[in-house]
C-alpha atoms as a PDB file:
ATOM      1  CA  UNK A   1      89.275 136.291 238.294  1.00  0.00           C
ATOM      2  CA  UNK A   2      91.771 137.517 240.867  1.00  0.00           C
ATOM      3  CA  UNK A   3      94.444 137.973 238.208  1.00  0.00           C
ATOM      4  CA  UNK A   4      92.496 141.007 237.008  1.00  0.00           C
ATOM      5  CA  UNK A   5      92.517 142.442 240.535  1.00  0.00           C
ATOM      6  CA  UNK A   6      96.231 141.729 240.920  1.00  0.00           C
ATOM      7  CA  UNK A   7      96.882 143.648 237.681  1.00  0.00           C
ATOM      8  CA  UNK A   8      94.778 146.593 238.873  1.00  0.00           C
ATOM      9  CA  UNK A   9      96.533 146.712 242.243  1.00  0.00           C
ATOM     10  CA  UNK A  10      99.966 146.538 240.615  1.00  0.00           C
ATOM     11  CA  UNK A  11      98.995 149.272 238.160  1.00  0.00           C
ATOM     12  CA  UNK A  12      97.874 151.508 241.032  1.00  0.00           C
ATOM     13  CA  UNK A  13     101.163 150.967 242.867  1.00  0.00           C
ATOM     14  CA  UNK A  14     103.130 151.720 239.678  1.00  0.00           C
ATOM     15  CA  UNK A  15     101.217 154.960 239.137  1.00  0.00           C
ATOM     16  CA  UNK A  16     101.855 156.057 242.714  1.00  0.00           C
ATOM     17  CA  UNK A  17     105.555 155.254 242.344  1.00  0.00           C
ATOM     18  CA  UNK A  18     105.939 157.231 239.101  1.00  0.00           C
ATOM     19  CA  UNK A  19     107.161 160.489 240.607  1.00  0.00           C
ATOM     20  CA  UNK A  20     108.516 161.736 237.282  1.00  0.00           C
ATOM     21  CA  UNK A  21     105.008 161.533 235.775  1.00  0.00           C
ATOM     22  CA  UNK A  22     103.541 163.233 238.845  1.00  0.00           C
ATOM     23  CA  UNK A  23     106.109 166.032 238.647  1.00  0.00           C
ATOM     24  CA  UNK A  24     105.675 166.454 234.882  1.00  0.00           C
ATOM     25  CA  UNK A  25     101.866 166.201 234.741  1.00  0.00           C
ATOM     26  CA  UNK A  26     100.240 166.300 238.171  1.00  0.00           C
ATOM     27  CA  UNK A  27      96.695 166.487 236.793  1.00  0.00           C
ATOM     28  CA  UNK A  28      97.210 163.554 234.419  1.00  0.00           C
ATOM     29  CA  UNK A  29      98.859 161.530 237.168  1.00  0.00           C
ATOM     30  CA  UNK A  30      95.954 162.185 239.532  1.00  0.00           C
ATOM     31  CA  UNK A  31      93.419 161.269 236.851  1.00  0.00           C
ATOM     32  CA  UNK A  32      95.194 157.966 236.195  1.00  0.00           C
ATOM     33  CA  UNK A  33      95.244 157.234 239.917  1.00  0.00           C
ATOM     34  CA  UNK A  34      91.537 158.032 240.204  1.00  0.00           C
ATOM     35  CA  UNK A  35      90.718 155.865 237.193  1.00  0.00           C
ATOM     36  CA  UNK A  36      92.528 152.770 238.463  1.00  0.00           C
ATOM     37  CA  UNK A  37      91.087 153.281 241.942  1.00  0.00           C
ATOM     38  CA  UNK A  38      87.590 153.389 240.431  1.00  0.00           C
ATOM     39  CA  UNK A  39      88.345 150.173 238.522  1.00  0.00           C
ATOM     40  CA  UNK A  40      89.407 148.522 241.777  1.00  0.00           C
ATOM     41  CA  UNK A  41      86.205 149.699 243.453  1.00  0.00           C
ATOM     42  CA  UNK A  42      84.104 148.368 240.573  1.00  0.00           C
ATOM     43  CA  UNK A  43      85.912 145.016 240.677  1.00  0.00           C
ATOM     44  CA  UNK A  44      85.354 144.849 244.431  1.00  0.00           C
ATOM     45  CA  UNK A  45      81.639 145.556 244.087  1.00  0.00           C
ATOM     46  CA  UNK A  46      81.241 142.960 241.339  1.00  0.00           C
ATOM     47  CA  UNK A  47      83.120 140.205 243.193  1.00  0.00           C
ATOM     48  CA  UNK A  48      82.394 140.984 246.838  1.00  0.00           C
ATOM     49  CA  UNK A  49      80.636 137.681 247.493  1.00  0.00           C
ATOM     50  CA  UNK A  50      83.196 135.497 245.745  1.00  0.00           C
ATOM     51  CA  UNK A  51      86.349 136.522 247.631  1.00  0.00           C
ATOM     52  CA  UNK A  52      87.516 135.480 251.078  1.00  0.00           C
ATOM     53  CA  UNK A  53      86.766 137.571 254.166  1.00  0.00           C
ATOM     54  CA  UNK A  54      90.349 138.771 254.597  1.00  0.00           C
ATOM     55  CA  UNK A  55      90.517 140.131 251.050  1.00  0.00           C
ATOM     56  CA  UNK A  56      87.096 141.761 251.490  1.00  0.00           C
ATOM     57  CA  UNK A  57      88.428 143.428 254.622  1.00  0.00           C
ATOM     58  CA  UNK A  58      91.515 144.780 252.852  1.00  0.00           C
ATOM     59  CA  UNK A  59      89.556 146.021 249.866  1.00  0.00           C
ATOM     60  CA  UNK A  60      86.829 147.531 252.026  1.00  0.00           C
ATOM     61  CA  UNK A  61      89.442 149.536 253.919  1.00  0.00           C
ATOM     62  CA  UNK A  62      91.368 150.469 250.766  1.00  0.00           C
ATOM     63  CA  UNK A  63      94.394 148.584 252.113  1.00  0.00           C
ATOM     64  CA  UNK A  64      95.513 147.828 248.592  1.00  0.00           C
ATOM     65  CA  UNK A  65      99.119 146.912 249.427  1.00  0.00           C
ATOM     66  CA  UNK A  66      97.845 144.350 251.927  1.00  0.00           C
ATOM     67  CA  UNK A  67      95.282 143.075 249.418  1.00  0.00           C
ATOM     68  CA  UNK A  68      98.017 142.553 246.834  1.00  0.00           C
ATOM     69  CA  UNK A  69     100.274 140.794 249.336  1.00  0.00           C
ATOM     70  CA  UNK A  70      97.365 138.546 250.340  1.00  0.00           C
ATOM     71  CA  UNK A  71      96.636 137.625 246.726  1.00  0.00           C
ATOM     72  CA  UNK A  72     100.290 137.013 245.929  1.00  0.00           C
ATOM     73  CA  UNK A  73     100.576 134.741 248.986  1.00  0.00           C
ATOM     74  CA  UNK A  74      97.550 132.757 247.783  1.00  0.00           C
ATOM     75  CA  UNK A  75      99.068 132.505 244.296  1.00  0.00           C
ATOM     76  CA  UNK A  76     102.233 131.076 245.802  1.00  0.00           C
ATOM     77  CA  UNK A  77     100.369 128.185 247.440  1.00  0.00           C
END
């Protein structure tokens, strides 16, 4: 379940980091960022009751880097 969220969060970070894409096609880059952000929001809404309070907090505040770090720390346990 959380592996899907981890993938979405990593994809969002990769899109943000792709400055060449942004410089070459700003509109396409923004659309991709919007799309993955909407997928994260949909995942959050669908799984809100099944994730821990800390992750809910990060997702609710759009602290996606912190959410990813939290999930990766849980995966490492």
